[in-house]
């Protein structure tokens, strides 16, 4: 067996591991989506989003509270849609 044959085997194993990681990530995402679908979200808290890239916020119906500083420093934010169910917005929730 040549060295190149061994390299091919290693590369195939490495690809299988990546596929396994992708599968696990997909299953995790499906579990999160299922949890959200069956457990209503009522509060949004800080450090939930990558603040450098958020351009639009749509808070879905059923949410009653946005905690303080949740969307602070979202410098690219240009659009916010809030539901009628919202009862409380914490201080500096949307501060720049």
Foldseek 3Di string as FASTA:
>chain_A
DDPVVVVVVVVVVVVVVVVVVVVVVVVVVVVVVVCCVVDPAAEQEAPPDDLAPDAEEEDDPNHAEYEACRNANSVNHDYYHDDPNHNYYYHRVNHD
